[in-house]
N, C-alpha and C. Protein backbone atom coordinates (compact mmCIF):
# COMPACT_ATOMS: atom_id res chain seq x y z
N MET A 1 -42.28 -72.14 -160.55
CA MET A 1 -43.36 -71.70 -162.10
C MET A 1 -44.85 -72.07 -162.64
N THR A 2 -45.72 -71.54 -163.20
CA THR A 2 -46.45 -71.87 -164.00
C THR A 2 -47.33 -71.30 -164.65
N TYR A 3 -47.76 -71.06 -165.98
CA TYR A 3 -48.21 -70.64 -166.94
C TYR A 3 -49.16 -69.57 -166.34
N GLU A 4 -50.12 -69.82 -165.31
CA GLU A 4 -50.99 -69.37 -164.79
C GLU A 4 -50.86 -68.49 -163.54
N LEU A 5 -49.26 -68.41 -162.99
CA LEU A 5 -48.64 -67.33 -162.77
C LEU A 5 -48.27 -66.01 -163.18
N PHE A 6 -47.59 -66.54 -164.62
CA PHE A 6 -47.51 -65.66 -165.61
C PHE A 6 -48.22 -64.73 -166.10
N PHE A 7 -49.07 -65.34 -166.55
CA PHE A 7 -50.43 -64.89 -166.94
C PHE A 7 -50.77 -63.94 -166.19
N ALA A 8 -50.95 -64.19 -164.57
CA ALA A 8 -51.74 -63.10 -163.73
C ALA A 8 -50.29 -61.70 -163.36
N ILE A 9 -49.75 -62.73 -163.70
CA ILE A 9 -48.29 -61.18 -163.55
C ILE A 9 -48.73 -60.27 -165.04
N CYS A 10 -48.48 -60.94 -166.12
CA CYS A 10 -48.68 -60.24 -167.14
C CYS A 10 -49.98 -58.98 -166.57
N LEU A 11 -51.68 -60.25 -166.26
CA LEU A 11 -52.17 -59.00 -165.74
C LEU A 11 -52.53 -57.58 -164.91
N PHE A 12 -51.35 -58.22 -164.37
CA PHE A 12 -50.94 -57.38 -163.46
C PHE A 12 -50.40 -55.82 -162.95
N ALA A 13 -49.44 -56.68 -164.80
CA ALA A 13 -48.29 -55.12 -165.23
C ALA A 13 -49.15 -54.83 -166.34
N LEU A 14 -50.50 -55.32 -166.88
CA LEU A 14 -51.38 -54.44 -167.95
C LEU A 14 -52.03 -53.46 -166.98
N VAL A 15 -52.59 -53.38 -166.16
CA VAL A 15 -53.28 -52.54 -165.17
C VAL A 15 -52.23 -51.72 -164.86
N THR A 16 -50.98 -51.91 -164.31
CA THR A 16 -50.27 -50.98 -163.74
C THR A 16 -49.97 -50.25 -164.47
N THR A 17 -49.84 -50.68 -165.88
CA THR A 17 -48.59 -49.73 -166.93
C THR A 17 -49.48 -48.88 -167.77
N GLY A 18 -50.92 -49.52 -167.88
CA GLY A 18 -51.77 -49.29 -168.68
C GLY A 18 -52.64 -48.07 -168.08
N THR A 19 -52.98 -48.14 -166.87
CA THR A 19 -53.76 -46.80 -165.89
C THR A 19 -53.51 -45.79 -166.18
N PRO A 20 -53.71 -44.64 -165.85
CA PRO A 20 -52.92 -43.08 -166.19
C PRO A 20 -52.24 -42.51 -165.48
N GLY A 21 -51.00 -42.52 -165.44
CA GLY A 21 -50.01 -42.00 -164.36
C GLY A 21 -48.49 -40.74 -165.31
N PRO A 22 -48.03 -40.59 -164.40
CA PRO A 22 -47.12 -39.60 -164.51
C PRO A 22 -46.35 -39.88 -166.38
N ASN A 23 -46.07 -41.32 -166.14
CA ASN A 23 -45.56 -41.81 -167.75
C ASN A 23 -46.27 -41.59 -168.77
N ASN A 24 -47.58 -42.20 -168.31
CA ASN A 24 -48.51 -42.61 -169.43
C ASN A 24 -48.95 -40.95 -169.75
N ILE A 25 -48.85 -39.96 -169.16
CA ILE A 25 -49.17 -38.11 -169.45
C ILE A 25 -47.78 -37.83 -170.49
N MET A 26 -47.46 -38.14 -169.68
CA MET A 26 -45.96 -37.78 -170.56
C MET A 26 -45.35 -38.08 -172.14
N LEU A 27 -46.05 -39.70 -171.84
CA LEU A 27 -45.97 -40.13 -173.39
C LEU A 27 -47.45 -39.70 -174.63
N THR A 28 -47.91 -39.57 -173.72
CA THR A 28 -49.20 -38.92 -174.31
C THR A 28 -49.04 -37.65 -175.02
N SER A 29 -48.51 -36.61 -174.54
CA SER A 29 -47.65 -35.33 -174.49
C SER A 29 -46.41 -35.57 -175.65
N SER A 30 -45.47 -35.89 -175.34
CA SER A 30 -44.68 -36.81 -176.32
C SER A 30 -44.94 -37.22 -177.56
N GLY A 31 -46.19 -38.00 -177.38
CA GLY A 31 -46.75 -38.21 -178.68
C GLY A 31 -47.28 -37.52 -179.74
N ALA A 32 -47.93 -36.59 -178.93
CA ALA A 32 -48.97 -35.48 -179.48
C ALA A 32 -48.02 -34.21 -180.43
N ASN A 33 -46.59 -33.89 -179.77
CA ASN A 33 -45.53 -33.28 -180.00
C ASN A 33 -44.48 -33.57 -180.85
N PHE A 34 -44.28 -34.59 -180.45
CA PHE A 34 -43.38 -35.13 -181.35
C PHE A 34 -43.35 -36.20 -182.40
N GLY A 35 -44.52 -37.06 -182.14
CA GLY A 35 -44.63 -37.98 -182.74
C GLY A 35 -44.23 -39.69 -182.56
N TYR A 36 -44.43 -40.87 -182.83
CA TYR A 36 -43.79 -41.83 -182.45
C TYR A 36 -42.39 -41.87 -182.26
N ARG A 37 -41.83 -41.86 -183.77
CA ARG A 37 -40.62 -42.43 -183.87
C ARG A 37 -39.78 -41.53 -182.93
N LYS A 38 -39.62 -40.32 -182.39
CA LYS A 38 -39.15 -39.75 -181.81
C LYS A 38 -39.45 -39.66 -180.30
N THR A 39 -40.56 -40.24 -180.01
CA THR A 39 -40.34 -40.66 -178.72
C THR A 39 -40.34 -42.21 -178.15
N ILE A 40 -39.54 -43.14 -179.09
CA ILE A 40 -39.52 -44.10 -178.53
C ILE A 40 -37.66 -44.11 -177.73
N PRO A 41 -37.25 -43.53 -178.25
CA PRO A 41 -36.21 -43.31 -176.96
C PRO A 41 -36.92 -43.45 -175.22
N HIS A 42 -38.03 -42.21 -175.36
CA HIS A 42 -38.46 -42.02 -174.14
C HIS A 42 -39.20 -43.33 -173.46
N MET A 43 -39.87 -43.86 -174.39
CA MET A 43 -40.72 -45.21 -174.05
C MET A 43 -39.12 -46.14 -173.59
N ALA A 44 -38.02 -46.28 -174.29
CA ALA A 44 -37.02 -47.16 -174.05
C ALA A 44 -36.90 -46.81 -172.80
N GLY A 45 -36.58 -45.67 -172.51
CA GLY A 45 -36.32 -45.70 -170.90
C GLY A 45 -37.34 -45.76 -169.87
N VAL A 46 -38.39 -45.44 -170.07
CA VAL A 46 -39.64 -46.04 -169.11
C VAL A 46 -39.71 -47.52 -169.12
N THR A 47 -39.18 -48.01 -169.81
CA THR A 47 -39.18 -50.01 -169.52
C THR A 47 -37.79 -50.38 -168.95
N LEU A 48 -36.29 -49.82 -168.84
CA LEU A 48 -35.48 -50.05 -168.78
C LEU A 48 -35.54 -49.35 -167.16
N GLY A 49 -36.22 -48.05 -167.12
CA GLY A 49 -36.02 -47.58 -165.52
C GLY A 49 -36.64 -48.35 -164.86
N LEU A 50 -37.95 -48.73 -165.61
CA LEU A 50 -39.06 -49.70 -164.85
C LEU A 50 -38.15 -50.98 -163.82
N ASN A 51 -38.02 -51.51 -165.74
CA ASN A 51 -37.36 -52.72 -165.37
C ASN A 51 -36.27 -52.61 -163.98
N SER A 52 -35.45 -51.92 -164.36
CA SER A 52 -33.94 -52.34 -163.29
C SER A 52 -34.55 -51.87 -161.76
N LEU A 53 -35.96 -51.41 -161.68
CA LEU A 53 -36.51 -51.11 -160.27
C LEU A 53 -37.00 -52.53 -159.96
N HIS A 54 -37.76 -53.35 -161.02
CA HIS A 54 -38.48 -55.17 -160.54
C HIS A 54 -36.51 -55.48 -160.08
N LEU A 55 -35.67 -55.32 -161.01
CA LEU A 55 -34.73 -56.14 -160.11
C LEU A 55 -34.02 -55.66 -159.04
N LEU A 56 -33.91 -54.42 -158.68
CA LEU A 56 -33.73 -53.73 -157.38
C LEU A 56 -34.58 -53.96 -156.20
N MET A 57 -35.63 -54.43 -156.49
CA MET A 57 -36.56 -54.85 -155.71
C MET A 57 -36.43 -56.54 -155.21
N GLY A 58 -36.28 -57.21 -156.61
CA GLY A 58 -36.03 -58.79 -156.41
C GLY A 58 -34.40 -58.55 -155.52
N LEU A 59 -33.78 -57.70 -155.84
CA LEU A 59 -32.41 -58.12 -154.83
C LEU A 59 -32.45 -57.23 -153.39
N GLY A 60 -33.63 -56.81 -152.99
CA GLY A 60 -33.72 -56.58 -152.01
C GLY A 60 -34.12 -55.03 -151.36
N LEU A 61 -34.04 -54.28 -152.66
CA LEU A 61 -34.11 -52.77 -152.24
C LEU A 61 -35.39 -52.58 -151.30
N GLY A 62 -36.25 -53.29 -151.44
CA GLY A 62 -37.73 -53.25 -150.53
C GLY A 62 -37.61 -53.42 -149.17
N ALA A 63 -37.05 -54.23 -148.87
CA ALA A 63 -37.09 -54.14 -147.41
C ALA A 63 -36.45 -52.83 -146.80
N LEU A 64 -35.38 -52.42 -147.89
CA LEU A 64 -34.32 -51.36 -146.93
C LEU A 64 -35.72 -50.18 -146.45
N PHE A 65 -36.91 -50.34 -147.71
CA PHE A 65 -37.26 -49.45 -148.01
C PHE A 65 -38.59 -49.37 -146.50
N MET A 66 -38.57 -50.46 -145.95
CA MET A 66 -39.50 -50.87 -145.04
C MET A 66 -38.79 -50.47 -143.84
N GLN A 67 -37.48 -50.75 -143.52
CA GLN A 67 -36.58 -50.74 -142.78
C GLN A 67 -36.20 -48.98 -142.17
N LEU A 68 -36.29 -48.38 -143.25
CA LEU A 68 -35.89 -46.87 -143.36
C LEU A 68 -37.16 -45.79 -143.80
N PRO A 69 -38.05 -45.52 -143.48
CA PRO A 69 -39.26 -44.81 -144.39
C PRO A 69 -39.00 -44.01 -144.33
N MET A 70 -37.90 -43.03 -143.96
CA MET A 70 -37.24 -41.63 -143.66
C MET A 70 -36.92 -41.45 -145.54
N LEU A 71 -36.54 -42.61 -146.06
CA LEU A 71 -36.41 -43.02 -147.52
C LEU A 71 -37.23 -42.72 -148.55
N GLN A 72 -38.53 -42.96 -147.92
CA GLN A 72 -39.82 -42.48 -148.51
C GLN A 72 -40.14 -41.21 -148.66
N ASN A 73 -40.07 -40.59 -147.95
CA ASN A 73 -39.88 -39.37 -147.63
C ASN A 73 -38.85 -38.31 -148.60
N ILE A 74 -37.39 -39.01 -149.11
CA ILE A 74 -36.91 -38.07 -149.54
C ILE A 74 -37.07 -38.57 -150.77
N LEU A 75 -37.61 -40.01 -151.09
CA LEU A 75 -38.04 -39.90 -152.24
C LEU A 75 -39.20 -39.47 -152.98
N LYS A 76 -40.06 -38.83 -151.93
CA LYS A 76 -41.30 -37.86 -152.19
C LYS A 76 -41.37 -36.45 -152.69
N VAL A 77 -39.95 -36.15 -152.42
CA VAL A 77 -39.57 -35.25 -152.12
C VAL A 77 -38.60 -34.71 -153.63
N LEU A 78 -38.24 -35.87 -153.78
CA LEU A 78 -37.65 -35.56 -154.92
C LEU A 78 -38.29 -36.53 -156.58
N GLY A 79 -39.35 -37.08 -156.13
CA GLY A 79 -40.39 -37.16 -157.23
C GLY A 79 -41.37 -35.83 -157.64
N SER A 80 -41.36 -35.38 -156.54
CA SER A 80 -42.48 -34.19 -156.46
C SER A 80 -41.28 -32.73 -157.63
N ALA A 81 -40.45 -32.62 -157.04
CA ALA A 81 -39.42 -31.91 -157.67
C ALA A 81 -39.20 -32.30 -158.90
N TYR A 82 -39.00 -33.26 -159.76
CA TYR A 82 -38.93 -33.91 -160.80
C TYR A 82 -40.11 -33.48 -162.00
N LEU A 83 -41.37 -33.60 -161.36
CA LEU A 83 -42.48 -33.82 -161.70
C LEU A 83 -43.08 -32.34 -161.77
N LEU A 84 -41.97 -31.33 -161.24
CA LEU A 84 -42.20 -30.28 -161.34
C LEU A 84 -42.10 -29.92 -162.73
N TRP A 85 -40.46 -30.33 -162.64
CA TRP A 85 -39.75 -29.76 -163.73
C TRP A 85 -40.11 -30.56 -164.84
N LEU A 86 -40.42 -31.24 -164.84
CA LEU A 86 -41.31 -32.35 -166.25
C LEU A 86 -42.19 -31.38 -166.63
N ALA A 87 -43.22 -31.06 -165.86
CA ALA A 87 -44.48 -29.87 -165.92
C ALA A 87 -43.43 -28.84 -166.70
N TRP A 88 -42.86 -28.05 -166.12
CA TRP A 88 -42.32 -26.50 -166.51
C TRP A 88 -41.61 -27.14 -168.73
N LYS A 89 -41.00 -28.27 -168.36
CA LYS A 89 -40.25 -28.71 -169.47
C LYS A 89 -41.87 -28.70 -170.47
N MET A 90 -42.67 -29.14 -170.32
CA MET A 90 -43.99 -29.26 -170.58
C MET A 90 -44.52 -28.06 -171.61
N LEU A 91 -44.90 -27.26 -170.93
CA LEU A 91 -44.86 -25.79 -170.34
C LEU A 91 -44.02 -25.13 -171.91
N GLY A 92 -42.60 -25.88 -171.60
CA GLY A 92 -41.57 -25.25 -173.19
C GLY A 92 -41.87 -25.54 -174.00
N ASN A 93 -42.98 -26.88 -174.19
CA ASN A 93 -43.08 -27.39 -175.48
C ASN A 93 -44.00 -26.21 -176.13
N SER A 94 -44.97 -25.40 -175.36
CA SER A 94 -46.08 -24.38 -175.82
C SER A 94 -44.86 -23.36 -176.51
N VAL A 95 -44.46 -22.94 -175.87
CA VAL A 95 -43.29 -21.90 -176.05
C VAL A 95 -42.15 -22.36 -177.01
N ALA A 96 -41.64 -22.25 -178.18
CA ALA A 96 -40.82 -22.51 -178.47
C ALA A 96 -39.78 -21.54 -179.40
N THR A 97 -38.80 -21.06 -178.93
CA THR A 97 -38.56 -19.98 -179.70
C THR A 97 -37.20 -20.78 -180.64
N ALA A 98 -36.27 -19.37 -181.21
CA ALA A 98 -35.15 -20.04 -181.86
C ALA A 98 -34.30 -20.36 -181.06
N THR A 99 -33.94 -20.50 -179.88
CA THR A 99 -33.22 -20.56 -179.02
C THR A 99 -33.51 -22.02 -178.02
N ASN A 100 -34.63 -22.12 -177.77
CA ASN A 100 -35.10 -22.81 -177.19
C ASN A 100 -36.55 -24.00 -178.20
N THR A 101 -35.55 -24.96 -178.48
CA THR A 101 -36.25 -25.77 -179.49
C THR A 101 -36.74 -26.64 -178.47
N PRO A 102 -38.26 -26.94 -178.32
CA PRO A 102 -38.43 -28.33 -177.00
C PRO A 102 -37.84 -29.54 -177.44
N THR A 103 -37.73 -30.43 -176.93
CA THR A 103 -37.34 -31.87 -177.52
C THR A 103 -37.76 -33.04 -176.42
N PRO A 104 -38.38 -34.08 -176.85
CA PRO A 104 -38.75 -34.96 -176.19
C PRO A 104 -37.33 -35.43 -174.87
N LEU A 105 -38.38 -36.67 -174.42
CA LEU A 105 -37.46 -37.05 -173.25
C LEU A 105 -36.50 -37.72 -174.07
N THR A 106 -35.25 -37.61 -173.30
CA THR A 106 -33.91 -38.72 -173.63
C THR A 106 -34.74 -39.81 -172.54
N MET A 107 -33.69 -41.22 -173.29
CA MET A 107 -33.91 -42.74 -172.46
C MET A 107 -33.14 -42.42 -171.18
N LEU A 108 -32.20 -41.48 -171.21
CA LEU A 108 -31.93 -41.84 -169.66
C LEU A 108 -32.70 -41.03 -168.89
N GLN A 109 -33.13 -39.62 -169.49
CA GLN A 109 -34.07 -38.49 -168.70
C GLN A 109 -35.34 -39.44 -168.12
N ALA A 110 -35.79 -40.51 -169.18
CA ALA A 110 -36.99 -41.12 -168.62
C ALA A 110 -36.80 -42.67 -167.78
N ALA A 111 -35.74 -43.28 -167.81
CA ALA A 111 -34.84 -44.16 -167.24
C ALA A 111 -34.98 -43.77 -165.86
N THR A 112 -33.70 -42.37 -165.39
CA THR A 112 -33.64 -42.01 -164.14
C THR A 112 -35.36 -41.28 -163.52
N PHE A 113 -36.28 -40.92 -164.27
CA PHE A 113 -37.17 -40.51 -164.07
C PHE A 113 -37.95 -41.84 -163.05
N GLN A 114 -37.96 -42.84 -163.56
CA GLN A 114 -38.73 -44.39 -162.65
C GLN A 114 -38.01 -44.04 -161.33
N TYR A 115 -36.68 -44.06 -161.25
CA TYR A 115 -36.31 -43.39 -159.83
C TYR A 115 -36.92 -42.32 -158.52
N VAL A 116 -37.68 -41.99 -159.17
CA VAL A 116 -38.68 -41.00 -158.44
C VAL A 116 -39.75 -40.42 -158.71
N ASN A 117 -40.40 -41.89 -159.44
CA ASN A 117 -41.67 -41.73 -159.78
C ASN A 117 -42.20 -42.75 -158.88
N PRO A 118 -43.05 -42.22 -158.02
CA PRO A 118 -44.23 -42.75 -157.19
C PRO A 118 -44.86 -44.31 -157.64
N LYS A 119 -45.38 -43.86 -158.68
CA LYS A 119 -46.40 -44.92 -159.62
C LYS A 119 -45.10 -46.54 -159.34
N ALA A 120 -44.30 -45.66 -160.08
CA ALA A 120 -43.00 -46.85 -160.76
C ALA A 120 -42.77 -47.70 -159.46
N TRP A 121 -42.64 -47.17 -158.21
CA TRP A 121 -41.77 -47.92 -157.16
C TRP A 121 -43.40 -48.32 -156.54
N VAL A 122 -44.64 -47.98 -156.70
CA VAL A 122 -45.39 -49.03 -156.24
C VAL A 122 -45.88 -50.20 -156.93
N MET A 123 -45.63 -49.76 -158.83
CA MET A 123 -45.84 -50.98 -159.23
C MET A 123 -44.81 -52.22 -158.81
N SER A 124 -43.42 -51.66 -158.73
CA SER A 124 -42.04 -52.48 -158.44
C SER A 124 -42.28 -53.46 -157.20
N ILE A 125 -42.77 -52.66 -156.14
CA ILE A 125 -42.73 -53.38 -154.40
C ILE A 125 -44.32 -53.94 -154.89
N GLY A 126 -45.20 -53.78 -155.59
CA GLY A 126 -46.34 -54.73 -155.59
C GLY A 126 -46.37 -55.46 -156.37
N ALA A 127 -45.50 -55.77 -157.33
CA ALA A 127 -45.49 -56.79 -158.16
C ALA A 127 -44.32 -57.76 -157.43
N ASN A 128 -43.21 -57.51 -156.57
CA ASN A 128 -42.49 -58.54 -156.10
C ASN A 128 -42.84 -58.84 -154.44
N VAL A 129 -43.93 -57.76 -153.90
CA VAL A 129 -44.83 -58.56 -152.51
C VAL A 129 -45.40 -59.37 -153.39
N SER A 130 -46.32 -59.48 -154.19
CA SER A 130 -47.32 -59.88 -154.93
C SER A 130 -47.24 -61.58 -155.56
N PHE A 131 -45.99 -61.40 -156.02
CA PHE A 131 -45.92 -62.46 -157.41
C PHE A 131 -44.76 -63.39 -156.94
N SER A 132 -43.41 -62.63 -155.99
CA SER A 132 -42.42 -63.39 -155.77
C SER A 132 -42.50 -64.55 -155.20
N LEU A 133 -42.10 -65.82 -155.52
CA LEU A 133 -42.12 -67.22 -154.72
C LEU A 133 -40.66 -67.01 -153.64
N GLU A 134 -41.08 -67.79 -152.79
CA GLU A 134 -40.34 -68.10 -151.52
C GLU A 134 -39.11 -69.48 -152.18
N GLY A 135 -38.00 -69.40 -151.43
CA GLY A 135 -37.12 -70.58 -152.03
C GLY A 135 -36.54 -70.09 -153.05
N GLU A 136 -36.54 -71.87 -153.76
CA GLU A 136 -35.88 -71.90 -154.90
C GLU A 136 -36.47 -71.47 -156.05
N LEU A 137 -37.37 -70.59 -156.07
CA LEU A 137 -38.38 -70.57 -157.27
C LEU A 137 -38.66 -68.96 -157.03
N TYR A 138 -37.51 -68.29 -156.03
CA TYR A 138 -37.84 -67.00 -156.10
C TYR A 138 -36.96 -66.11 -157.68
N SER A 139 -35.62 -66.96 -157.62
CA SER A 139 -34.90 -65.92 -158.96
C SER A 139 -36.64 -65.97 -159.85
N ALA A 140 -36.80 -67.06 -160.18
CA ALA A 140 -37.09 -67.38 -161.47
C ALA A 140 -38.49 -66.83 -161.05
N SER A 141 -39.21 -66.43 -160.16
CA SER A 141 -40.31 -64.91 -160.20
C SER A 141 -39.89 -63.87 -160.19
N VAL A 142 -38.70 -63.63 -160.02
CA VAL A 142 -38.46 -62.02 -160.35
C VAL A 142 -38.47 -61.79 -161.60
N ILE A 143 -37.69 -62.91 -162.46
CA ILE A 143 -37.58 -63.44 -163.88
C ILE A 143 -38.37 -62.63 -164.40
N ALA A 144 -39.67 -63.83 -163.89
CA ALA A 144 -40.92 -63.71 -164.37
C ALA A 144 -41.36 -62.04 -164.77
N ILE A 145 -41.13 -62.11 -163.21
CA ILE A 145 -42.11 -60.51 -162.98
C ILE A 145 -41.31 -59.48 -164.35
N ILE A 146 -40.22 -59.67 -164.32
CA ILE A 146 -39.53 -58.94 -165.11
C ILE A 146 -39.75 -59.01 -166.76
N GLY A 147 -39.83 -60.18 -166.86
CA GLY A 147 -40.38 -60.87 -168.13
C GLY A 147 -41.74 -60.23 -168.88
N ALA A 148 -42.88 -60.15 -167.44
CA ALA A 148 -44.16 -59.89 -168.09
C ALA A 148 -43.89 -58.11 -168.12
N TYR A 149 -43.44 -57.54 -167.37
CA TYR A 149 -43.08 -56.53 -167.86
C TYR A 149 -42.56 -55.53 -168.71
N LEU A 150 -41.24 -56.50 -168.99
CA LEU A 150 -40.65 -56.45 -170.72
C LEU A 150 -41.38 -56.44 -171.87
N LEU A 151 -42.40 -57.69 -171.57
CA LEU A 151 -43.58 -57.66 -172.55
C LEU A 151 -44.87 -56.76 -172.79
N VAL A 152 -45.26 -56.22 -171.58
CA VAL A 152 -46.43 -55.58 -171.61
C VAL A 152 -46.25 -54.29 -171.75
N GLY A 153 -45.18 -53.94 -170.91
CA GLY A 153 -44.73 -52.05 -170.60
C GLY A 153 -44.83 -51.85 -172.19
N PRO A 154 -44.10 -52.13 -172.61
CA PRO A 154 -43.59 -51.52 -174.49
C PRO A 154 -45.20 -51.30 -174.81
N CYS A 155 -45.87 -52.70 -175.12
CA CYS A 155 -47.27 -52.41 -175.41
C CYS A 155 -48.40 -51.22 -175.24
N THR A 156 -48.26 -50.92 -174.22
CA THR A 156 -49.41 -50.20 -173.00
C THR A 156 -48.24 -48.60 -173.68
N ASN A 157 -47.11 -48.19 -173.06
CA ASN A 157 -46.49 -47.26 -173.90
C ASN A 157 -46.70 -46.66 -174.83
N THR A 158 -46.64 -47.87 -176.00
CA THR A 158 -47.21 -47.60 -177.56
C THR A 158 -48.58 -46.58 -177.62
N CYS A 159 -49.16 -47.70 -176.94
CA CYS A 159 -50.95 -47.39 -176.96
C CYS A 159 -51.33 -45.26 -176.45
N TRP A 160 -50.39 -45.00 -175.86
CA TRP A 160 -50.53 -43.90 -174.88
C TRP A 160 -49.72 -43.03 -175.68
N VAL A 161 -48.72 -43.29 -176.09
CA VAL A 161 -48.11 -42.60 -177.40
C VAL A 161 -48.75 -42.32 -178.92
N ILE A 162 -49.72 -43.64 -179.30
CA ILE A 162 -50.19 -43.62 -180.59
C ILE A 162 -51.50 -42.49 -180.02
N PHE A 163 -52.26 -42.71 -179.00
CA PHE A 163 -53.27 -42.09 -178.19
C PHE A 163 -52.76 -40.25 -178.55
N GLY A 164 -51.50 -40.15 -178.59
CA GLY A 164 -51.16 -38.78 -178.26
C GLY A 164 -51.10 -38.11 -179.78
N LYS A 165 -50.27 -38.93 -180.47
CA LYS A 165 -49.88 -38.81 -181.65
C LYS A 165 -51.22 -38.73 -182.53
N ALA A 166 -52.60 -38.82 -181.78
CA ALA A 166 -53.88 -39.52 -183.17
C ALA A 166 -54.19 -37.70 -182.56
N ILE A 167 -54.14 -37.36 -180.72
CA ILE A 167 -54.59 -35.97 -180.96
C ILE A 167 -54.01 -34.83 -181.34
N GLY A 168 -52.46 -35.33 -181.66
CA GLY A 168 -51.83 -34.36 -182.11
C GLY A 168 -52.40 -33.76 -183.45
N ARG A 169 -52.70 -34.67 -184.22
CA ARG A 169 -53.24 -34.22 -185.61
C ARG A 169 -54.68 -33.47 -185.91
N TYR A 170 -55.14 -33.42 -184.53
CA TYR A 170 -56.22 -32.61 -184.48
C TYR A 170 -56.01 -31.23 -183.55
N LEU A 171 -54.47 -31.14 -183.37
CA LEU A 171 -53.72 -30.01 -183.09
C LEU A 171 -53.56 -29.05 -183.99
N SER A 172 -54.37 -28.40 -184.60
CA SER A 172 -53.41 -27.50 -185.65
C SER A 172 -53.07 -26.59 -186.29
N SER A 173 -53.51 -25.82 -184.48
CA SER A 173 -52.82 -24.57 -184.61
C SER A 173 -51.88 -24.06 -183.58
N PRO A 174 -50.83 -23.78 -183.67
CA PRO A 174 -50.48 -23.50 -182.46
C PRO A 174 -50.85 -23.02 -180.89
N GLN A 175 -52.06 -22.60 -181.15
CA GLN A 175 -52.02 -22.09 -179.97
C GLN A 175 -53.31 -22.95 -179.31
N GLN A 176 -54.05 -23.68 -180.47
CA GLN A 176 -54.52 -25.08 -179.70
C GLN A 176 -53.43 -26.02 -178.99
N LEU A 177 -52.35 -26.28 -179.81
CA LEU A 177 -51.32 -27.52 -179.46
C LEU A 177 -50.54 -26.49 -177.72
N LYS A 178 -50.46 -25.23 -177.66
CA LYS A 178 -50.39 -24.60 -176.27
C LYS A 178 -51.19 -24.91 -175.33
N VAL A 179 -52.67 -24.78 -175.81
CA VAL A 179 -53.35 -25.43 -174.96
C VAL A 179 -53.51 -26.73 -174.30
N PHE A 180 -53.72 -27.58 -175.61
CA PHE A 180 -53.09 -29.23 -175.18
C PHE A 180 -51.42 -28.81 -173.78
N ASN A 181 -50.44 -28.55 -174.10
CA ASN A 181 -49.50 -28.66 -173.51
C ASN A 181 -49.84 -28.19 -172.33
N ILE A 182 -50.55 -26.76 -172.12
CA ILE A 182 -50.81 -26.60 -170.87
C ILE A 182 -51.60 -27.52 -169.64
N ILE A 183 -52.52 -28.33 -170.55
CA ILE A 183 -53.50 -29.06 -169.68
C ILE A 183 -52.51 -30.24 -169.30
N MET A 184 -51.70 -30.63 -170.03
CA MET A 184 -50.64 -32.19 -169.82
C MET A 184 -49.83 -31.48 -168.99
N ALA A 185 -49.39 -30.45 -168.94
CA ALA A 185 -48.17 -30.09 -167.89
C ALA A 185 -49.25 -30.01 -166.46
N ALA A 186 -49.90 -29.31 -166.70
CA ALA A 186 -50.90 -29.63 -165.51
C ALA A 186 -51.93 -30.60 -164.57
N LEU A 187 -51.89 -31.44 -165.57
CA LEU A 187 -51.77 -33.05 -165.43
C LEU A 187 -50.20 -34.00 -165.07
N THR A 188 -49.52 -33.44 -165.32
CA THR A 188 -48.29 -33.79 -164.49
C THR A 188 -48.17 -32.92 -162.96
N ALA A 189 -48.27 -31.95 -163.27
CA ALA A 189 -48.12 -31.25 -161.88
C ALA A 189 -48.54 -31.95 -160.76
N SER A 190 -49.81 -31.96 -161.24
CA SER A 190 -51.00 -32.31 -160.19
C SER A 190 -51.03 -33.70 -159.34
N CYS A 191 -49.58 -34.54 -160.71
CA CYS A 191 -49.61 -36.14 -159.64
C CYS A 191 -48.75 -35.62 -158.48
N VAL A 192 -48.46 -34.59 -158.33
CA VAL A 192 -47.68 -34.11 -156.86
C VAL A 192 -48.36 -34.36 -155.50
N TRP A 193 -50.01 -33.76 -156.22
CA TRP A 193 -50.43 -34.06 -155.03
C TRP A 193 -50.76 -35.60 -154.46
N PHE A 194 -51.06 -36.29 -155.60
CA PHE A 194 -51.03 -37.93 -155.11
C PHE A 194 -49.92 -38.23 -154.53
N ILE A 195 -48.98 -37.75 -154.44
CA ILE A 195 -47.69 -38.02 -153.66
C ILE A 195 -47.57 -38.08 -152.33
N TRP A 196 -48.09 -36.80 -152.49
CA TRP A 196 -48.19 -36.35 -150.65
C TRP A 196 -49.41 -36.72 -149.79
N LEU A 197 -50.62 -37.32 -150.89
CA LEU A 197 -51.52 -38.33 -150.41
C LEU A 197 -51.56 -38.72 -149.22
């Protein structure tokens, strides 16, 4: 393992966690609706779930997906259903009632989402295929991948939540917040199209 390789993994983590995708759309929405502090469990769940995927890839789960393509289709169906449910939940943030008070995702919900989030699978498979080393250095390289994502992921997540919180400051009326939530729900639902592309 070299510093250059770890730096390359960190750059890969920065690009993959920093670009728009389901997690970042939802974190932005949560930041706008609930603020930074209440979104911390959501961010922690994203980090936990994603890095558990990296660990599973390092333990050989990626090979199973290569041998059983049907698993990919099952993942697409589950991911699509979960994304649509999350979009519905975001729409619920627009219509709070006395019996239906919107809440941010919990750590467990956000961690579980990573297992049906197509971008999380692409990140995990891509990182392990690109940066895991053969032989005696294999375990160290998998640990380096997890370490890079533990270092970079929370930083990019925080940026998206702060971005959402900044947007939330300009949403002064319930009508503006409702329009914002509808847009974020539509963006989340539109990710289903990319799954089947």
